[in-house]
Structures are given as C-alpha cells and as structure tokens.
Protein backbone atom coordinates (compact mmCIF):
# COMPACT_ATOMS: atom_id res chain seq x y z
CA UNK A 1 -35.16 -73.00 31.40
CA UNK A 2 -38.28 -70.88 29.35
CA UNK A 3 -36.38 -67.60 29.36
CA UNK A 4 -33.28 -69.38 28.08
CA UNK A 5 -34.81 -70.66 25.28
CA UNK A 6 -36.61 -67.64 24.52
CA UNK A 7 -33.07 -66.00 24.28
CA UNK A 8 -31.56 -68.55 22.20
CA UNK A 9 -34.51 -68.44 19.53
CA UNK A 10 -34.24 -64.40 19.63
CA UNK A 11 -30.62 -64.55 18.83
CA UNK A 12 -31.14 -65.47 15.11
CA UNK A 13 -33.91 -62.81 14.79
CA UNK A 14 -31.26 -60.19 16.21
CA UNK A 15 -28.28 -61.18 13.80
CA UNK A 16 -30.66 -60.86 10.63
CA UNK A 17 -31.49 -57.49 12.28
CA UNK A 18 -27.79 -56.36 12.87
CA UNK A 19 -27.03 -57.84 9.60
CA UNK A 20 -29.39 -55.97 7.57
CA UNK A 21 -28.75 -52.84 9.37
CA UNK A 22 -25.25 -53.22 9.18
CA UNK A 23 -24.99 -53.48 5.23
CA UNK A 24 -27.72 -50.77 4.72
CA UNK A 25 -25.66 -48.68 6.90
CA UNK A 26 -22.34 -49.29 4.98
CA UNK A 27 -23.93 -49.20 1.13
CA UNK A 28 -24.50 -45.57 1.44
CA UNK A 29 -22.02 -42.67 1.07
CA UNK A 30 -22.14 -40.28 3.25
CA UNK A 31 -21.21 -36.50 2.18
CA UNK A 32 -17.58 -35.83 3.56
CA UNK A 33 -17.96 -32.69 6.49
CA UNK A 34 -17.04 -29.74 4.63
CA UNK A 35 -16.37 -27.90 7.75
CA UNK A 36 -13.26 -28.74 9.89
CA UNK A 37 -11.26 -26.88 12.08
CA UNK A 38 -8.11 -25.33 10.76
CA UNK A 39 -4.20 -26.72 11.41
CA UNK A 40 -2.17 -23.87 12.22
CA UNK A 41 1.02 -22.63 13.67
CA UNK A 42 0.90 -19.73 15.98
CA UNK A 43 3.77 -17.76 16.86
CA UNK A 44 2.31 -16.63 20.19
CA UNK A 45 5.23 -18.55 22.17
CA UNK A 46 7.77 -15.98 20.86
CA UNK A 47 5.77 -13.43 22.45
CA UNK A 48 5.42 -15.35 25.48
CA UNK A 49 9.31 -15.91 26.11
CA UNK A 50 9.84 -12.56 25.17
CA UNK A 51 7.40 -10.83 27.93
CA UNK A 52 9.12 -13.71 30.81
CA UNK A 53 12.71 -11.51 29.72
CA UNK A 54 10.95 -8.44 31.37
CA UNK A 55 10.61 -6.97 27.92
CA UNK A 56 8.37 -4.19 27.97
CA UNK A 57 4.81 -4.80 25.61
CA UNK A 58 5.82 -1.86 22.89
CA UNK A 59 9.10 -3.83 22.03
CA UNK A 60 7.17 -7.49 21.80
CA UNK A 61 7.07 -7.61 18.72
CA UNK A 62 8.35 -10.79 16.34
CA UNK A 63 10.85 -9.78 13.77
CA UNK A 64 10.34 -10.08 9.91
CA UNK A 65 13.08 -12.70 9.92
CA UNK A 66 12.07 -14.41 12.70
CA UNK A 67 8.43 -14.70 11.22
CA UNK A 68 9.75 -15.80 7.79
CA UNK A 69 11.88 -18.78 9.53
CA UNK A 70 8.54 -19.96 10.90
CA UNK A 71 6.92 -19.97 7.53
CA UNK A 72 9.58 -22.05 5.89
CA UNK A 73 9.77 -24.35 9.03
CA UNK A 74 6.00 -24.61 9.06
CA UNK A 75 6.19 -25.03 4.68
CA UNK A 76 9.00 -28.12 4.98
CA UNK A 77 7.48 -29.59 8.44
CA UNK A 78 4.05 -29.43 9.11
CA UNK A 79 2.73 -28.51 5.59
CA UNK A 80 2.44 -32.06 4.73
CA UNK A 81 0.34 -32.71 7.72
CA UNK A 82 -2.27 -30.50 6.63
CA UNK A 83 -1.13 -27.11 8.50
CA UNK A 84 -1.95 -24.44 6.17
CA UNK A 85 -2.10 -21.35 8.19
CA UNK A 86 0.52 -19.02 10.38
CA UNK A 87 -1.23 -16.67 12.76
CA UNK A 88 0.31 -13.97 14.03
CA UNK A 89 -0.77 -12.88 17.48
CA UNK A 90 -2.70 -9.42 18.44
CA UNK A 91 0.99 -8.22 19.99
CA UNK A 92 3.23 -6.12 18.02
CA UNK A 93 4.43 -2.75 18.25
CA UNK A 94 2.56 -0.82 16.14
CA UNK A 95 -1.03 0.28 15.51
CA UNK A 96 -0.90 1.66 12.34
CA UNK A 97 -4.40 1.04 10.61
CA UNK A 98 -5.89 1.71 7.34
CA UNK A 99 -8.39 4.11 6.58
CA UNK A 100 -11.13 1.47 7.99
CA UNK A 101 -9.32 0.88 11.35
CA UNK A 102 -7.98 -2.10 10.36
CA UNK A 103 -4.10 -2.95 11.30
CA UNK A 104 -1.69 -2.92 8.68
CA UNK A 105 1.17 -4.21 9.79
CA UNK A 106 2.73 -6.26 13.14
CA UNK A 107 5.80 -3.91 13.46
CA UNK A 108 6.83 -0.56 12.40
CA UNK A 109 10.56 -2.31 11.97
CA UNK A 110 8.98 -4.84 9.53
CA UNK A 111 9.55 -3.63 5.14
CA UNK A 112 6.34 -5.44 4.42
CA UNK A 113 2.75 -5.01 5.61
CA UNK A 114 0.05 -7.85 6.15
CA UNK A 115 -1.31 -7.58 2.57
CA UNK A 116 2.09 -8.86 1.52
CA UNK A 117 2.21 -11.51 4.08
CA UNK A 118 -1.42 -12.69 3.08
CA UNK A 119 -0.01 -12.97 -0.57
CA UNK A 120 3.37 -14.40 0.09
CA UNK A 121 1.42 -17.29 1.86
CA UNK A 122 -1.11 -17.80 -0.40
CA UNK A 123 1.62 -18.54 -2.87
CA UNK A 124 2.89 -20.95 -0.79
CA UNK A 125 -0.31 -23.01 -0.61
CA UNK A 126 -0.94 -21.30 3.02
CA UNK A 127 -2.94 -18.90 5.22
CA UNK A 128 -2.24 -15.81 6.78
CA UNK A 129 -4.16 -15.71 10.65
CA UNK A 130 -4.46 -12.87 12.90
CA UNK A 131 -5.34 -13.52 16.54
CA UNK A 132 -7.09 -10.32 17.81
CA UNK A 133 -9.95 -9.94 20.60
CA UNK A 134 -13.03 -8.54 17.91
CA UNK A 135 -13.67 -5.79 21.07
CA UNK A 136 -9.86 -4.64 20.49
CA UNK A 137 -10.41 -1.68 18.36
CA UNK A 138 -7.48 0.37 17.25
CA UNK A 139 -9.24 3.76 16.69
CA UNK A 140 -6.54 6.12 17.62
CA UNK A 141 -5.37 6.46 14.04
CA UNK A 142 -8.74 6.31 12.24
CA UNK A 143 -9.99 9.65 10.74
CA UNK A 144 -13.46 10.53 12.28
CA UNK A 145 -15.16 10.66 8.93
CA UNK A 146 -14.19 6.93 8.31
CA UNK A 147 -17.20 4.24 8.02
CA UNK A 148 -16.95 0.36 8.63
CA UNK A 149 -16.25 -1.50 5.37
CA UNK A 150 -19.94 -1.62 3.58
CA UNK A 151 -21.96 0.51 6.22
CA UNK A 152 -22.67 4.11 6.86
CA UNK A 153 -21.74 3.42 10.40
CA UNK A 154 -18.52 5.60 11.92
CA UNK A 155 -15.68 3.40 13.24
CA UNK A 156 -15.27 5.31 16.09
CA UNK A 157 -18.87 5.24 16.90
CA UNK A 158 -17.57 1.60 18.31
CA UNK A 159 -14.24 2.98 20.32
CA UNK A 160 -15.31 3.26 24.11
CA UNK A 161 -13.69 6.01 26.42
CA UNK A 162 -11.15 4.43 28.64
CA UNK A 163 -12.51 7.39 31.10
CA UNK A 164 -15.28 4.49 31.59
CA UNK A 165 -12.95 1.58 31.70
CA UNK A 166 -11.40 -0.16 34.24
CA UNK A 167 -9.40 -3.22 34.61
CA UNK A 168 -9.62 -6.36 36.78
CA UNK A 169 -6.85 -9.00 36.97
CA UNK A 170 -5.50 -7.77 33.10
CA UNK A 171 -9.45 -7.95 31.63
CA UNK A 172 -10.69 -4.65 30.63
CA UNK A 173 -14.39 -3.77 31.21
CA UNK A 174 -16.56 -0.94 30.30
CA UNK A 175 -19.24 0.67 31.68
C-alpha cells in the first residue's frame, strides 16, 4: 500500500516533467536534413531480360528509342513523386572513351552521347545517372599520355593486367 501511494504521488511530477520536455522539443525547429537518397529509375531490368534470352553481352545495350521512352515515362509518372534521375547500367556495346578514360556513350548505335542525354535530362528537371563499378577502367582506347583529370597521374597506371587476374563465380580478382 505504501508503494502504491508513492507511485500515485509521483504521477503529477511525471506529468509535469513530460509536459515540460514535450513543449521544449516541439517549440524548437530543427533544420531539415539536406541529405537524402536519390529516387531514380534504372533500366537494369531491360538488360537482364535480354541476357535471359541468351543474347551475347556485346549485343546487350538499350536502344536509344527505348531509353527515350523510359525518360518520358519517368517524367510523366514518377517525377511528381520525387523521382529525378534515370540510371543507365554499365552494360552497353561500346567502350569508347574520352581522353581521360571516361565512357562517352552507352552504345555505338546511339546517335547522341552521354553529354547530350545529361543536358537533355537537366532541361526536363532530371539527371542522368550511371552505374559503374569504380574498379572498372576502360583503358583499352586511352592514350598512354592521358592523365586523371586534375592530377599528373597517368590513367593507365590504374589499369590492371588481366594476366594477373582470375575469376571466381563471375567476380574478378586481381593479384
């Protein structure tokens, strides 16, 4: 009985404690989090479906007309919900690169390059994304004198000889 009385006497104090801190917490405005994950549409499924048909990797690219249809769909149906990026996958049928080793296009069949698509998407309030493993270096077409942008480091110094590489379950390991 004595313990019950102590608890009953504590309730008003607990109530005032809660009310005080509740008011403090809700009277202060906390800054909005400026960091959030992007909402984006990826065309990866297109490549997976083509791969399942047995299509060789060198022919597994998304046609420009198909990508354009994805752009229109995202703008019409997903952009109102915050989606603002279309992401291409690292697949494609070309490894054409610029002087710094960056890929310039998804396919040799495309009339437009990544720079054009990036500008086009920006004009529509969206962005171009690219999934690419940072360990992939398309150095086969790079000039031996090309430097990593903003440095004196040769692009080819990052290239790994496939003589020292081996694959386990599709993952490339270098030693």
